[in-house]
């Protein structure tokens, strides 16, 4: 099995810089990735309904949503 060359914060920093070099700054996302922004805007209104359906299907399978703490974090991020 291959071992990663970079791990931890160094790997995240490398990926962040590589992404910015390829796609442009995240502060300019509206201009550099207009189709992505258009798609995100189109699905934003159904986000709560989709998440509720996802949770209901997990409960129907007798599973609980993973990482409740992470769920709270991402919910706040997406609503901002």
N, C-alpha and C. Protein backbone atom coordinates (compact mmCIF):
# COMPACT_ATOMS: atom_id res chain seq x y z
N UNK A 1 0.84 -1.17 0.00
CA UNK A 1 0.00 0.00 0.00
C UNK A 1 0.89 1.24 0.00
N UNK A 2 0.50 2.24 -0.74
CA UNK A 2 1.29 3.46 -0.82
C UNK A 2 1.00 4.36 0.38
N UNK A 3 2.02 4.97 0.90
CA UNK A 3 1.88 5.91 2.00
C UNK A 3 1.80 7.33 1.43
N UNK A 4 0.99 8.19 2.01
CA UNK A 4 0.92 9.58 1.52
C UNK A 4 2.24 10.30 1.78
N UNK A 5 2.62 11.16 0.86
CA UNK A 5 3.84 11.95 1.04
C UNK A 5 3.65 13.04 2.08
N UNK A 6 2.47 13.61 2.11
CA UNK A 6 2.17 14.68 3.07
C UNK A 6 0.97 14.26 3.91
N UNK A 7 1.02 14.60 5.17
CA UNK A 7 -0.12 14.33 6.05
C UNK A 7 -0.35 15.53 6.95
N UNK A 8 -1.51 15.55 7.56
CA UNK A 8 -1.82 16.59 8.52
C UNK A 8 -1.96 17.97 7.90
N UNK A 9 -1.61 19.01 8.67
CA UNK A 9 -1.76 20.39 8.21
C UNK A 9 -0.98 20.70 6.93
N UNK A 10 0.18 20.10 6.76
CA UNK A 10 0.97 20.34 5.55
C UNK A 10 0.23 19.87 4.31
N UNK A 11 -0.45 18.73 4.41
CA UNK A 11 -1.21 18.21 3.28
C UNK A 11 -2.39 19.11 2.95
N UNK A 12 -3.08 19.57 3.98
CA UNK A 12 -4.22 20.47 3.74
C UNK A 12 -3.76 21.78 3.12
N UNK A 13 -2.66 22.31 3.59
CA UNK A 13 -2.12 23.56 3.05
C UNK A 13 -1.73 23.37 1.58
N UNK A 14 -1.08 22.24 1.29
CA UNK A 14 -0.69 21.94 -0.09
C UNK A 14 -1.92 21.86 -0.99
N UNK A 15 -2.94 21.13 -0.56
CA UNK A 15 -4.16 20.98 -1.37
C UNK A 15 -4.87 22.32 -1.56
N UNK A 16 -4.92 23.12 -0.51
CA UNK A 16 -5.55 24.44 -0.61
C UNK A 16 -4.84 25.31 -1.65
N UNK A 17 -3.51 25.32 -1.60
CA UNK A 17 -2.74 26.12 -2.55
C UNK A 17 -2.85 25.58 -3.98
N UNK A 18 -2.82 24.26 -4.12
CA UNK A 18 -2.93 23.65 -5.45
C UNK A 18 -4.30 23.96 -6.06
N UNK A 19 -5.34 23.88 -5.26
CA UNK A 19 -6.69 24.19 -5.74
C UNK A 19 -6.77 25.66 -6.17
N UNK A 20 -6.23 26.56 -5.33
CA UNK A 20 -6.26 27.99 -5.66
C UNK A 20 -5.46 28.29 -6.92
N UNK A 21 -4.33 27.62 -7.09
CA UNK A 21 -3.53 27.84 -8.30
C UNK A 21 -4.27 27.37 -9.55
N UNK A 22 -5.03 26.30 -9.42
CA UNK A 22 -5.74 25.76 -10.58
C UNK A 22 -7.05 26.48 -10.86
N UNK A 23 -7.84 26.75 -9.81
CA UNK A 23 -9.18 27.30 -9.99
C UNK A 23 -9.32 28.77 -9.62
N UNK A 24 -8.31 29.34 -9.00
CA UNK A 24 -8.39 30.74 -8.59
C UNK A 24 -8.78 30.86 -7.14
N UNK A 25 -8.69 32.06 -6.66
CA UNK A 25 -8.97 32.36 -5.26
C UNK A 25 -10.42 32.08 -4.90
N UNK A 26 -10.65 31.59 -3.68
CA UNK A 26 -12.03 31.35 -3.25
C UNK A 26 -12.79 32.66 -3.05
N UNK A 27 -12.08 33.75 -2.84
CA UNK A 27 -12.77 35.04 -2.70
C UNK A 27 -13.33 35.52 -4.04
N UNK A 28 -12.88 34.93 -5.14
CA UNK A 28 -13.35 35.30 -6.47
C UNK A 28 -14.18 34.18 -7.08
N UNK A 29 -14.77 33.34 -6.22
CA UNK A 29 -15.50 32.16 -6.69
C UNK A 29 -16.67 32.51 -7.60
N UNK A 30 -17.37 33.58 -7.32
CA UNK A 30 -18.54 33.93 -8.14
C UNK A 30 -18.14 34.17 -9.59
N UNK A 31 -16.96 34.75 -9.79
CA UNK A 31 -16.51 35.04 -11.14
C UNK A 31 -15.77 33.86 -11.77
N UNK A 32 -14.99 33.14 -10.98
CA UNK A 32 -14.17 32.07 -11.56
C UNK A 32 -14.93 30.76 -11.73
N UNK A 33 -16.00 30.56 -10.98
CA UNK A 33 -16.78 29.32 -11.08
C UNK A 33 -18.28 29.63 -11.13
N UNK A 34 -18.71 30.33 -12.17
CA UNK A 34 -20.12 30.75 -12.21
C UNK A 34 -21.11 29.60 -12.30
N UNK A 35 -20.77 28.52 -13.00
CA UNK A 35 -21.72 27.40 -13.10
C UNK A 35 -21.90 26.71 -11.76
N UNK A 36 -20.81 26.60 -11.00
CA UNK A 36 -20.91 26.01 -9.67
C UNK A 36 -21.79 26.88 -8.78
N UNK A 37 -21.58 28.18 -8.82
CA UNK A 37 -22.39 29.09 -8.01
C UNK A 37 -23.85 29.03 -8.44
N UNK A 38 -24.10 28.93 -9.73
CA UNK A 38 -25.48 28.84 -10.22
C UNK A 38 -26.14 27.57 -9.71
N UNK A 39 -25.41 26.45 -9.76
CA UNK A 39 -25.96 25.18 -9.28
C UNK A 39 -26.23 25.24 -7.79
N UNK A 40 -25.27 25.74 -7.00
CA UNK A 40 -25.47 25.84 -5.56
C UNK A 40 -26.67 26.72 -5.22
N UNK A 41 -26.81 27.81 -5.93
CA UNK A 41 -27.95 28.70 -5.69
C UNK A 41 -29.28 27.99 -5.99
N UNK A 42 -29.27 27.15 -7.02
CA UNK A 42 -30.52 26.49 -7.41
C UNK A 42 -30.94 25.42 -6.41
N UNK A 43 -30.01 24.80 -5.70
CA UNK A 43 -30.36 23.74 -4.75
C UNK A 43 -30.45 24.23 -3.31
N UNK A 44 -30.04 25.45 -3.06
CA UNK A 44 -30.03 25.99 -1.70
C UNK A 44 -31.42 25.96 -1.06
N UNK A 45 -32.44 26.23 -1.83
CA UNK A 45 -33.79 26.31 -1.27
C UNK A 45 -34.31 24.95 -0.80
N UNK A 46 -33.80 23.85 -1.37
CA UNK A 46 -34.29 22.53 -0.99
C UNK A 46 -33.37 21.82 0.00
N UNK A 47 -32.37 22.51 0.49
CA UNK A 47 -31.38 21.90 1.38
C UNK A 47 -32.01 21.28 2.63
N UNK A 48 -32.87 22.00 3.31
CA UNK A 48 -33.47 21.49 4.55
C UNK A 48 -34.35 20.27 4.28
N UNK A 49 -35.12 20.32 3.21
CA UNK A 49 -35.98 19.19 2.87
C UNK A 49 -35.14 17.95 2.54
N UNK A 50 -34.09 18.13 1.75
CA UNK A 50 -33.21 17.01 1.40
C UNK A 50 -32.55 16.41 2.64
N UNK A 51 -32.09 17.27 3.55
CA UNK A 51 -31.44 16.77 4.76
C UNK A 51 -32.44 16.00 5.62
N UNK A 52 -33.65 16.50 5.72
CA UNK A 52 -34.68 15.82 6.51
C UNK A 52 -35.00 14.45 5.91
N UNK A 53 -35.09 14.37 4.59
CA UNK A 53 -35.34 13.09 3.94
C UNK A 53 -34.18 12.12 4.19
N UNK A 54 -32.98 12.63 4.16
CA UNK A 54 -31.80 11.80 4.43
C UNK A 54 -31.85 11.25 5.86
N UNK A 55 -32.13 12.13 6.81
CA UNK A 55 -32.21 11.70 8.21
C UNK A 55 -33.32 10.67 8.41
N UNK A 56 -34.47 10.90 7.79
CA UNK A 56 -35.58 9.96 7.92
C UNK A 56 -35.23 8.59 7.36
N UNK A 57 -34.51 8.57 6.26
CA UNK A 57 -34.13 7.28 5.69
C UNK A 57 -33.14 6.56 6.60
N UNK A 58 -32.23 7.30 7.25
CA UNK A 58 -31.30 6.68 8.20
C UNK A 58 -32.06 6.10 9.40
N UNK A 59 -33.00 6.87 9.91
CA UNK A 59 -33.78 6.39 11.06
C UNK A 59 -34.63 5.17 10.67
N UNK A 60 -35.14 5.16 9.43
CA UNK A 60 -35.93 4.02 8.97
C UNK A 60 -35.07 2.76 8.89
N UNK A 61 -33.80 2.94 8.62
CA UNK A 61 -32.86 1.80 8.57
C UNK A 61 -32.26 1.51 9.94
N UNK A 62 -32.74 2.22 10.95
CA UNK A 62 -32.26 2.08 12.32
C UNK A 62 -30.80 2.49 12.46
N UNK A 63 -30.41 3.50 11.72
CA UNK A 63 -29.07 4.07 11.82
C UNK A 63 -29.21 5.50 12.33
N UNK A 64 -28.21 5.99 12.98
CA UNK A 64 -28.25 7.39 13.40
C UNK A 64 -27.33 8.19 12.50
N UNK A 65 -27.63 9.46 12.29
CA UNK A 65 -26.76 10.28 11.45
C UNK A 65 -25.35 10.33 12.03
N UNK A 66 -24.35 10.24 11.20
CA UNK A 66 -22.98 10.24 11.71
C UNK A 66 -22.56 11.61 12.21
N UNK A 67 -21.72 11.60 13.20
CA UNK A 67 -21.08 12.81 13.71
C UNK A 67 -22.05 13.96 13.96
N UNK A 68 -22.86 13.80 14.96
CA UNK A 68 -23.84 14.84 15.28
C UNK A 68 -23.16 16.20 15.44
N UNK A 69 -21.98 16.23 16.04
CA UNK A 69 -21.26 17.49 16.20
C UNK A 69 -20.90 18.05 14.84
N UNK A 70 -20.43 17.19 13.93
CA UNK A 70 -20.10 17.64 12.59
C UNK A 70 -21.32 18.15 11.86
N UNK A 71 -22.44 17.50 12.08
CA UNK A 71 -23.70 17.93 11.45
C UNK A 71 -24.02 19.36 11.86
N UNK A 72 -23.89 19.66 13.14
CA UNK A 72 -24.17 21.01 13.62
C UNK A 72 -23.21 22.02 13.00
N UNK A 73 -21.95 21.65 12.89
CA UNK A 73 -20.96 22.53 12.30
C UNK A 73 -21.30 22.83 10.85
N UNK A 74 -21.57 21.78 10.06
CA UNK A 74 -21.84 21.98 8.65
C UNK A 74 -23.15 22.70 8.39
N UNK A 75 -24.13 22.46 9.26
CA UNK A 75 -25.40 23.17 9.12
C UNK A 75 -25.18 24.67 9.26
N UNK A 76 -24.38 25.04 10.24
CA UNK A 76 -24.09 26.46 10.44
C UNK A 76 -23.33 27.04 9.26
N UNK A 77 -22.37 26.28 8.72
CA UNK A 77 -21.57 26.74 7.59
C UNK A 77 -22.43 26.94 6.35
N UNK A 78 -23.32 26.00 6.08
CA UNK A 78 -24.13 26.08 4.88
C UNK A 78 -25.17 27.18 4.96
N UNK A 79 -25.63 27.51 6.15
CA UNK A 79 -26.66 28.53 6.28
C UNK A 79 -26.08 29.94 6.29
N UNK A 80 -24.77 30.03 6.49
CA UNK A 80 -24.11 31.34 6.54
C UNK A 80 -24.02 31.97 5.17
